[in-house]
């Protein structure tokens, strides 16, 4: 075994610069030994601590390669939709190896924008993933929230048959990735009094995955001008020493103006495009709503006309006759911008958001083409994971896999030099 490793050799082992190693040394994160000529070297004993599950990355001393893949990492995505999550992961630096989606229009969207992606169209239950075993690093999927049949006290994978989570778990079982990332609505945390989520965690545990405490991320704190909340379920292959942390939120929420107008995220104002329109009487009513306002801003007689029976029911119903303001995030987009219960009216113009405005609120690039009718397009965009939220998660996936890759490389190098 070598007595020591030079600064250059150690930088190569960790895929960081020599300057990063110097900073680590100064902060005591990875102490170097000084030779008589004051040259920094590293002993095997010093480096071996990082082959025993310790993280070499500390938030105070991030190397420049911290969030950049040091090797290709492959993703298999189920329920891919129009590609919001996949695009965010690609933007982060991950490779989308295979995507499955049942909706034909969403599949056309994926193929139109990424001809190189392997898009498998059809029911996920008919797709075998076994041939991808050993080739996939991450399995992702935004499976719907579905109830299980709670016949016994403890449910296993077979008891989840008939649900799309079963297909997600089956893909994990067949491919054995290092990580699996499930994405769902916030309501999953309380579905069936929490039993549904507990069962999902138990099934992943049975498959050999340690589940990080599920967390609800608020998209508005991740460069998305929308009050969308999504629950993430992260599983890490047991025994691999993997460590995952959820992305840190920004200090402030992103307002609508940040994406519909030229600024930090987009170099130009939102391009014009097709969109739904209001019937004449509805437009007259919506003309009376100020930015940030909703049905309670109407005169009482018009409130009764517009709300009908809902006027006499309890609850705020703040989505009804809602006009969004420039200086706040948009309410969560739905599959249509002009549904009565979930109105999404432009701040200045009395009309629903257009297709391209909808896409920007989900942080899609203007070059991303959606196939199908206007209604199909709204549906695809409304159901998508915001691209920038996917990007934030993708960067943390890369950090986790980089740590693992470096640790495995260290083990090999120490074994070779022994």
Protein backbone atom coordinates (compact mmCIF):
# COMPACT_ATOMS: atom_id res chain seq x y z
CA UNK A 1 0.00 0.00 0.00
CA UNK A 2 1.20 3.50 -0.73
CA UNK A 3 2.41 5.54 2.21
CA UNK A 4 0.60 8.62 0.99
CA UNK A 5 -1.37 10.13 -1.90
CA UNK A 6 -0.37 13.42 -3.47
CA UNK A 7 -2.67 16.41 -3.77
CA UNK A 8 -3.16 15.65 -7.48
CA UNK A 9 -3.95 11.98 -6.85
CA UNK A 10 -6.42 12.80 -4.08
CA UNK A 11 -8.13 15.44 -6.22
CA UNK A 12 -8.56 12.81 -8.93
CA UNK A 13 -9.98 10.29 -6.45
CA UNK A 14 -12.62 12.75 -5.22
CA UNK A 15 -13.22 14.39 -8.62
CA UNK A 16 -12.63 17.86 -7.18
CA UNK A 17 -10.00 20.50 -7.75
CA UNK A 18 -6.83 20.90 -5.72
CA UNK A 19 -8.19 24.22 -4.49
CA UNK A 20 -11.24 22.42 -3.05
CA UNK A 21 -8.92 20.03 -1.18
CA UNK A 22 -7.03 22.99 0.23
CA UNK A 23 -10.30 24.47 1.50
CA UNK A 24 -11.28 21.15 3.06
CA UNK A 25 -7.88 21.00 4.77
CA UNK A 26 -8.22 24.54 6.13
CA UNK A 27 -11.70 23.82 7.50
CA UNK A 28 -10.65 20.49 8.99
CA UNK A 29 -13.01 18.48 6.81
CA UNK A 30 -10.25 16.41 5.21
CA UNK A 31 -6.92 17.06 6.92
CA UNK A 32 -3.73 16.76 4.90
CA UNK A 33 -0.32 15.76 6.21
CA UNK A 34 2.49 18.24 5.53
CA UNK A 35 5.84 17.02 4.24
CA UNK A 36 9.06 18.87 5.25
CA UNK A 37 8.74 20.98 2.10
CA UNK A 38 5.21 21.96 3.28
CA UNK A 39 3.64 19.91 0.47
CA UNK A 40 0.19 18.48 1.24
CA UNK A 41 -0.24 14.69 1.08
CA UNK A 42 -2.94 12.32 2.33
CA UNK A 43 -2.37 9.04 4.13
CA UNK A 44 -4.52 5.98 3.44
CA UNK A 45 -5.72 6.13 7.07
CA UNK A 46 -6.98 9.68 6.53
CA UNK A 47 -8.86 8.77 3.36
CA UNK A 48 -10.29 5.47 4.59
CA UNK A 49 -12.79 7.25 6.83
CA UNK A 50 -14.73 8.06 3.67
CA UNK A 51 -15.13 4.40 2.73
CA UNK A 52 -17.10 3.73 5.91
CA UNK A 53 -20.32 5.58 5.26
CA UNK A 54 -19.21 9.12 6.05
CA UNK A 55 -20.25 11.83 3.61
CA UNK A 56 -17.34 13.51 1.89
CA UNK A 57 -19.57 16.44 1.02
CA UNK A 58 -20.34 19.08 3.60
CA UNK A 59 -22.62 22.01 2.80
CA UNK A 60 -19.95 24.44 4.05
CA UNK A 61 -17.29 23.14 1.68
CA UNK A 62 -19.08 22.17 -1.50
CA UNK A 63 -16.72 21.13 -4.25
CA UNK A 64 -17.44 22.44 -7.73
CA UNK A 65 -18.41 18.93 -8.86
CA UNK A 66 -20.86 18.42 -6.00
CA UNK A 67 -24.00 18.55 -8.15
CA UNK A 68 -22.46 17.61 -11.51
CA UNK A 69 -22.66 13.91 -12.44
CA UNK A 70 -19.19 12.36 -12.33
CA UNK A 71 -20.53 9.50 -14.48
CA UNK A 72 -23.79 8.92 -16.40
CA UNK A 73 -26.75 8.14 -14.12
CA UNK A 74 -29.74 6.50 -15.81
CA UNK A 75 -33.40 7.12 -14.96
CA UNK A 76 -36.47 4.97 -15.64
CA UNK A 77 -39.63 7.05 -15.30
CA UNK A 78 -43.16 5.72 -15.03
CA UNK A 79 -46.31 7.84 -15.58
CA UNK A 80 -44.12 10.34 -17.41
CA UNK A 81 -46.95 12.58 -18.65
CA UNK A 82 -45.79 15.52 -20.76
CA UNK A 83 -42.27 15.30 -19.35
CA UNK A 84 -42.12 17.88 -16.55
CA UNK A 85 -40.20 15.70 -14.12
CA UNK A 86 -38.10 14.04 -16.83
CA UNK A 87 -37.12 17.43 -18.27
CA UNK A 88 -36.17 18.70 -14.81
CA UNK A 89 -34.02 15.63 -14.19
CA UNK A 90 -32.40 16.00 -17.62
CA UNK A 91 -31.70 19.66 -16.88
CA UNK A 92 -30.02 18.58 -13.64
CA UNK A 93 -27.74 16.23 -15.57
CA UNK A 94 -29.45 12.83 -15.36
CA UNK A 95 -30.04 10.58 -18.37
CA UNK A 96 -33.65 9.56 -19.10
CA UNK A 97 -33.13 5.99 -20.26
CA UNK A 98 -36.75 4.83 -20.51
CA UNK A 99 -40.15 6.49 -20.02
CA UNK A 100 -43.59 4.90 -19.84
CA UNK A 101 -46.88 6.74 -20.34
CA UNK A 102 -50.37 5.55 -21.27
CA UNK A 103 -51.80 8.80 -22.67
CA UNK A 104 -51.19 8.92 -26.42
CA UNK A 105 -51.07 12.73 -26.62
CA UNK A 106 -48.52 12.96 -23.83
CA UNK A 107 -46.43 10.31 -25.60
CA UNK A 108 -46.58 12.36 -28.79
CA UNK A 109 -45.40 15.38 -26.78
CA UNK A 110 -42.46 13.44 -25.39
CA UNK A 111 -41.43 12.10 -28.80
CA UNK A 112 -41.83 15.49 -30.48
CA UNK A 113 -39.49 17.19 -28.03
CA UNK A 114 -37.05 14.38 -27.30
CA UNK A 115 -36.82 11.95 -30.24
CA UNK A 116 -33.85 10.31 -28.50
CA UNK A 117 -35.88 9.31 -25.43
CA UNK A 118 -37.08 5.73 -25.33
CA UNK A 119 -40.82 6.27 -24.82
CA UNK A 120 -42.91 3.14 -24.25
CA UNK A 121 -46.58 3.94 -24.82
CA UNK A 122 -49.20 1.81 -23.12
CA UNK A 123 -50.49 0.36 -19.87
CA UNK A 124 -47.59 0.01 -17.44
CA UNK A 125 -48.94 -3.35 -16.24
CA UNK A 126 -48.09 -4.84 -19.65
CA UNK A 127 -44.46 -3.66 -19.60
CA UNK A 128 -41.60 -5.79 -18.28
CA UNK A 129 -38.58 -3.96 -16.91
CA UNK A 130 -36.43 -7.01 -16.17
CA UNK A 131 -34.13 -6.45 -19.15
CA UNK A 132 -33.10 -3.14 -17.56
CA UNK A 133 -31.84 -4.82 -14.38
CA UNK A 134 -28.48 -3.38 -13.45
CA UNK A 135 -28.78 -0.59 -16.00
CA UNK A 136 -30.96 1.85 -14.04
CA UNK A 137 -29.76 4.06 -11.18
CA UNK A 138 -33.07 5.76 -10.37
CA UNK A 139 -36.71 4.76 -10.83
CA UNK A 140 -39.15 7.68 -10.63
CA UNK A 141 -42.90 7.90 -10.94
CA UNK A 142 -45.86 10.06 -10.00
CA UNK A 143 -48.29 7.24 -9.28
CA UNK A 144 -51.89 8.22 -8.36
CA UNK A 145 -53.10 7.98 -4.79
CA UNK A 146 -55.12 4.74 -4.63
CA UNK A 147 -56.46 2.78 -1.69
CA UNK A 148 -55.28 -0.74 -0.91
CA UNK A 149 -57.42 -3.62 0.31
CA UNK A 150 -56.52 -3.83 3.98
CA UNK A 151 -57.41 -7.46 4.58
CA UNK A 152 -54.49 -8.09 6.94
CA UNK A 153 -52.41 -6.10 9.37
CA UNK A 154 -49.32 -6.03 7.19
CA UNK A 155 -49.47 -5.79 3.41
CA UNK A 156 -46.79 -6.91 0.99
CA UNK A 157 -46.15 -6.25 -2.68
CA UNK A 158 -48.73 -8.78 -3.91
CA UNK A 159 -51.44 -7.12 -1.83
CA UNK A 160 -50.85 -3.91 -3.77
CA UNK A 161 -51.87 -5.52 -7.07
CA UNK A 162 -54.36 -3.47 -9.02
CA UNK A 163 -52.82 -0.17 -7.94
CA UNK A 164 -50.31 1.87 -9.90
CA UNK A 165 -48.04 1.94 -6.88
CA UNK A 166 -47.72 -1.82 -7.37
CA UNK A 167 -46.40 -1.18 -10.89
CA UNK A 168 -43.95 1.37 -9.50
CA UNK A 169 -42.75 -1.10 -6.86
CA UNK A 170 -42.56 -3.88 -9.45
CA UNK A 171 -40.30 -1.73 -11.64
CA UNK A 172 -38.08 -1.16 -8.61
CA UNK A 173 -38.00 -4.90 -7.86
CA UNK A 174 -37.17 -5.81 -11.47
CA UNK A 175 -34.44 -3.19 -12.05
CA UNK A 176 -32.92 -2.90 -8.54
CA UNK A 177 -31.91 0.78 -8.81
CA UNK A 178 -29.83 2.57 -6.21
CA UNK A 179 -32.69 5.01 -5.64
CA UNK A 180 -36.44 5.20 -6.23
CA UNK A 181 -38.39 8.45 -6.10
CA UNK A 182 -42.18 8.45 -5.82
CA UNK A 183 -44.15 11.66 -6.28
CA UNK A 184 -47.73 12.26 -5.21
CA UNK A 185 -50.31 14.71 -3.92
CA UNK A 186 -50.02 16.11 -0.41
CA UNK A 187 -53.22 14.27 0.49
CA UNK A 188 -51.39 10.94 0.45
CA UNK A 189 -50.09 11.75 3.93
CA UNK A 190 -53.62 11.49 5.35
CA UNK A 191 -55.17 9.03 2.87
CA UNK A 192 -56.87 6.19 4.80
CA UNK A 193 -55.61 7.88 7.99
CA UNK A 194 -52.03 7.50 6.81
CA UNK A 195 -52.27 3.73 6.26
CA UNK A 196 -51.78 4.01 2.48
CA UNK A 197 -48.46 5.81 2.85
CA UNK A 198 -47.36 3.44 5.63
CA UNK A 199 -48.08 0.47 3.36
CA UNK A 200 -46.07 1.98 0.51
CA UNK A 201 -43.12 2.49 2.86
CA UNK A 202 -43.46 -1.07 4.14
CA UNK A 203 -43.48 -2.51 0.62
CA UNK A 204 -40.34 -0.59 -0.36
CA UNK A 205 -38.73 -1.71 2.89
CA UNK A 206 -39.54 -5.34 2.03
CA UNK A 207 -37.88 -4.80 -1.36
CA UNK A 208 -34.65 -3.73 0.37
CA UNK A 209 -35.02 0.06 0.36
CA UNK A 210 -34.68 2.39 3.32
CA UNK A 211 -37.25 5.16 2.93
CA UNK A 212 -36.23 8.70 3.81
CA UNK A 213 -38.94 10.48 5.81
CA UNK A 214 -41.48 11.58 3.15
CA UNK A 215 -41.60 15.33 2.69
CA UNK A 216 -44.02 17.76 1.07
CA UNK A 217 -42.18 20.31 -1.07
CA UNK A 218 -43.80 23.64 -1.89
CA UNK A 219 -42.96 24.41 -5.50
CA UNK A 220 -43.09 28.17 -4.98
CA UNK A 221 -39.86 27.94 -2.97
CA UNK A 222 -38.05 26.17 -5.82
CA UNK A 223 -38.26 28.74 -8.63
CA UNK A 224 -41.83 27.81 -9.57
CA UNK A 225 -44.46 30.61 -9.42
CA UNK A 226 -47.17 28.29 -8.16
CA UNK A 227 -48.57 27.17 -4.80
CA UNK A 228 -48.33 23.52 -5.80
CA UNK A 229 -47.41 21.08 -3.04
CA UNK A 230 -46.08 17.62 -3.88
CA UNK A 231 -45.17 14.74 -1.60
CA UNK A 232 -41.92 12.89 -2.36
CA UNK A 233 -41.15 9.35 -1.27
CA UNK A 234 -37.44 8.53 -1.55
CA UNK A 235 -36.10 4.98 -1.23
CA UNK A 236 -32.38 4.18 -0.94
CA UNK A 237 -30.93 0.74 -1.67
CA UNK A 238 -30.12 -0.80 1.69
CA UNK A 239 -26.49 -1.51 2.51
CA UNK A 240 -25.04 0.94 -0.01
CA UNK A 241 -24.33 3.78 2.41
CA UNK A 242 -26.51 6.19 0.43
CA UNK A 243 -27.44 9.53 1.96
CA UNK A 244 -30.17 11.80 0.61
CA UNK A 245 -31.26 15.27 1.69
CA UNK A 246 -34.22 17.12 0.24
CA UNK A 247 -33.35 20.32 -1.65
CA UNK A 248 -33.19 23.42 0.48
CA UNK A 249 -35.97 25.93 -0.26
CA UNK A 250 -35.38 29.49 -1.34
CA UNK A 251 -35.97 32.21 1.23
CA UNK A 252 -39.00 33.58 -0.64
CA UNK A 253 -41.73 32.29 -2.90
CA UNK A 254 -41.54 33.05 -6.61
CA UNK A 255 -44.27 35.43 -7.89
CA UNK A 256 -46.16 35.05 -11.15
CA UNK A 257 -44.41 38.06 -12.69
CA UNK A 258 -41.10 36.16 -12.60
CA UNK A 259 -42.17 33.85 -15.42
CA UNK A 260 -44.78 35.71 -17.46
CA UNK A 261 -42.47 38.70 -17.83
CA UNK A 262 -38.85 38.88 -18.94
CA UNK A 263 -36.51 38.42 -16.01
CA UNK A 264 -34.28 35.94 -14.23
CA UNK A 265 -35.91 32.77 -15.57
CA UNK A 266 -36.96 33.84 -19.06
CA UNK A 267 -35.26 36.34 -21.34
CA UNK A 268 -38.53 37.54 -22.90
CA UNK A 269 -42.16 38.05 -22.02
CA UNK A 270 -44.36 35.01 -22.47
CA UNK A 271 -45.09 34.38 -26.17
CA UNK A 272 -48.66 34.68 -27.41
CA UNK A 273 -50.60 31.46 -27.87
CA UNK A 274 -54.07 29.96 -28.00
CA UNK A 275 -56.23 29.71 -24.91
CA UNK A 276 -59.74 29.30 -23.62
CA UNK A 277 -62.10 32.30 -23.51
CA UNK A 278 -64.92 33.29 -21.19
CA UNK A 279 -68.58 33.46 -22.28
CA UNK A 280 -69.78 37.11 -22.42
CA UNK A 281 -71.63 37.12 -19.07
CA UNK A 282 -68.79 35.43 -17.22
CA UNK A 283 -66.36 37.96 -18.64
CA UNK A 284 -68.60 40.79 -17.38
CA UNK A 285 -68.50 39.25 -13.91
CA UNK A 286 -64.77 38.55 -13.94
CA UNK A 287 -64.11 42.15 -15.05
CA UNK A 288 -65.22 43.18 -11.54
CA UNK A 289 -62.58 41.07 -9.77
CA UNK A 290 -59.32 42.86 -8.82
CA UNK A 291 -55.91 41.13 -9.04
CA UNK A 292 -55.63 38.73 -6.11
CA UNK A 293 -59.39 38.86 -5.58
CA UNK A 294 -62.17 36.29 -5.84
CA UNK A 295 -65.96 35.96 -5.65
CA UNK A 296 -66.30 37.82 -2.35
CA UNK A 297 -65.10 40.96 -4.13
CA UNK A 298 -68.29 40.98 -6.20
CA UNK A 299 -71.50 42.83 -5.25
CA UNK A 300 -73.73 40.53 -3.19
CA UNK A 301 -76.40 40.19 -5.88
CA UNK A 302 -73.76 39.08 -8.41
CA UNK A 303 -72.20 36.75 -5.83
CA UNK A 304 -75.53 34.97 -5.59
CA UNK A 305 -75.91 34.87 -9.37
CA UNK A 306 -72.45 33.44 -9.92
CA UNK A 307 -72.20 31.11 -6.95
CA UNK A 308 -75.76 29.75 -7.02
CA UNK A 309 -76.20 27.15 -4.24
CA UNK A 310 -72.53 27.42 -3.29
CA UNK A 311 -73.23 30.93 -1.98
CA UNK A 312 -75.13 29.44 0.97
CA UNK A 313 -72.61 26.70 1.78
CA UNK A 314 -69.70 26.99 4.19
CA UNK A 315 -66.04 27.32 3.27
CA UNK A 316 -64.05 30.05 1.63
CA UNK A 317 -64.09 28.61 -1.91
CA UNK A 318 -61.20 30.95 -2.69
CA UNK A 319 -60.61 29.38 -6.09
CA UNK A 320 -63.97 30.55 -7.44
CA UNK A 321 -63.92 33.68 -9.65
CA UNK A 322 -60.21 33.99 -8.74
CA UNK A 323 -57.96 36.48 -10.49
CA UNK A 324 -54.26 35.90 -9.84
CA UNK A 325 -52.01 38.85 -8.97
CA UNK A 326 -48.53 39.53 -10.34
CA UNK A 327 -46.81 39.63 -6.97
CA UNK A 328 -47.88 36.20 -5.66
CA UNK A 329 -47.51 32.62 -6.89
CA UNK A 330 -50.40 31.28 -8.91
CA UNK A 331 -52.77 28.84 -7.28
CA UNK A 332 -52.08 25.21 -8.23
CA UNK A 333 -52.84 24.68 -11.90
CA UNK A 334 -55.53 22.18 -12.77
CA UNK A 335 -56.33 20.45 -16.04
CA UNK A 336 -58.36 23.48 -17.13
CA UNK A 337 -57.86 27.19 -16.34
CA UNK A 338 -61.56 28.04 -16.47
CA UNK A 339 -63.25 25.52 -14.19
CA UNK A 340 -65.67 27.28 -11.89
CA UNK A 341 -64.24 25.83 -8.70
CA UNK A 342 -60.62 26.48 -9.69
CA UNK A 343 -60.59 29.70 -11.69
CA UNK A 344 -57.21 30.92 -12.93
CA UNK A 345 -57.73 34.37 -14.47
CA UNK A 346 -54.93 36.55 -15.84
CA UNK A 347 -53.94 39.48 -13.56
CA UNK A 348 -54.64 42.26 -16.09
CA UNK A 349 -56.66 40.78 -18.93
CA UNK A 350 -60.01 39.19 -18.25
CA UNK A 351 -59.36 35.73 -19.64
CA UNK A 352 -57.99 32.37 -18.52
CA UNK A 353 -54.26 31.78 -18.79
CA UNK A 354 -53.18 30.77 -22.28
CA UNK A 355 -51.37 27.53 -23.10
CA UNK A 356 -47.90 29.14 -23.06
CA UNK A 357 -48.69 31.00 -19.83
CA UNK A 358 -49.79 27.71 -18.30
CA UNK A 359 -46.54 26.11 -19.48
CA UNK A 360 -44.41 28.90 -18.00
CA UNK A 361 -46.18 28.64 -14.67
CA UNK A 362 -45.03 25.00 -14.71
CA UNK A 363 -41.56 26.30 -15.79
CA UNK A 364 -41.50 24.49 -19.14
CA UNK A 365 -39.25 26.12 -21.74
CA UNK A 366 -41.01 28.00 -24.53
CA UNK A 367 -39.54 25.51 -27.01
CA UNK A 368 -41.43 22.59 -25.42
CA UNK A 369 -44.22 21.68 -27.87
CA UNK A 370 -47.44 20.09 -26.62
CA UNK A 371 -49.37 17.81 -28.96
CA UNK A 372 -53.15 17.51 -29.17
CA UNK A 373 -56.07 19.90 -28.82
CA UNK A 374 -56.07 22.92 -26.52
CA UNK A 375 -57.95 20.91 -23.91
CA UNK A 376 -55.45 18.05 -24.20
CA UNK A 377 -52.61 20.55 -23.85
CA UNK A 378 -54.04 22.14 -20.72
CA UNK A 379 -54.51 18.65 -19.27
CA UNK A 380 -50.91 17.65 -19.95
CA UNK A 381 -49.50 20.85 -18.46
CA UNK A 382 -51.82 20.86 -15.45
CA UNK A 383 -50.88 17.29 -14.53
CA UNK A 384 -47.13 17.83 -14.89
CA UNK A 385 -44.50 18.07 -12.20
CA UNK A 386 -43.04 21.59 -12.41
CA UNK A 387 -39.77 21.39 -14.32
CA UNK A 388 -37.81 23.45 -11.79
CA UNK A 389 -39.06 21.33 -8.90
CA UNK A 390 -37.84 18.25 -10.76
CA UNK A 391 -34.53 20.03 -11.33
CA UNK A 392 -34.11 20.74 -7.61
CA UNK A 393 -34.79 17.10 -6.74
CA UNK A 394 -32.52 15.92 -9.56
CA UNK A 395 -29.55 17.86 -8.22
CA UNK A 396 -29.91 16.17 -4.83
CA UNK A 397 -30.18 12.76 -6.52
CA UNK A 398 -26.91 13.49 -8.29
CA UNK A 399 -25.24 14.52 -5.04
CA UNK A 400 -26.34 11.25 -3.45
CA UNK A 401 -25.08 9.15 -6.36
CA UNK A 402 -21.81 11.10 -6.61
CA UNK A 403 -21.06 10.33 -2.97
CA UNK A 404 -21.74 6.65 -3.59
CA UNK A 405 -19.66 6.55 -6.77
CA UNK A 406 -16.66 8.20 -5.14
CA UNK A 407 -16.88 5.93 -2.11
CA UNK A 408 -17.00 2.83 -4.31
CA UNK A 409 -14.06 4.09 -6.37
CA UNK A 410 -12.09 4.67 -3.18
CA UNK A 411 -12.73 1.11 -2.06
CA UNK A 412 -11.42 -0.21 -5.38
CA UNK A 413 -8.35 2.01 -5.28
CA UNK A 414 -7.48 1.05 -1.73
CA UNK A 415 -7.91 -2.63 -2.58
CA UNK A 416 -5.66 -2.27 -5.62
CA UNK A 417 -2.96 -0.46 -3.65
CA UNK A 418 -3.05 -2.86 -0.69
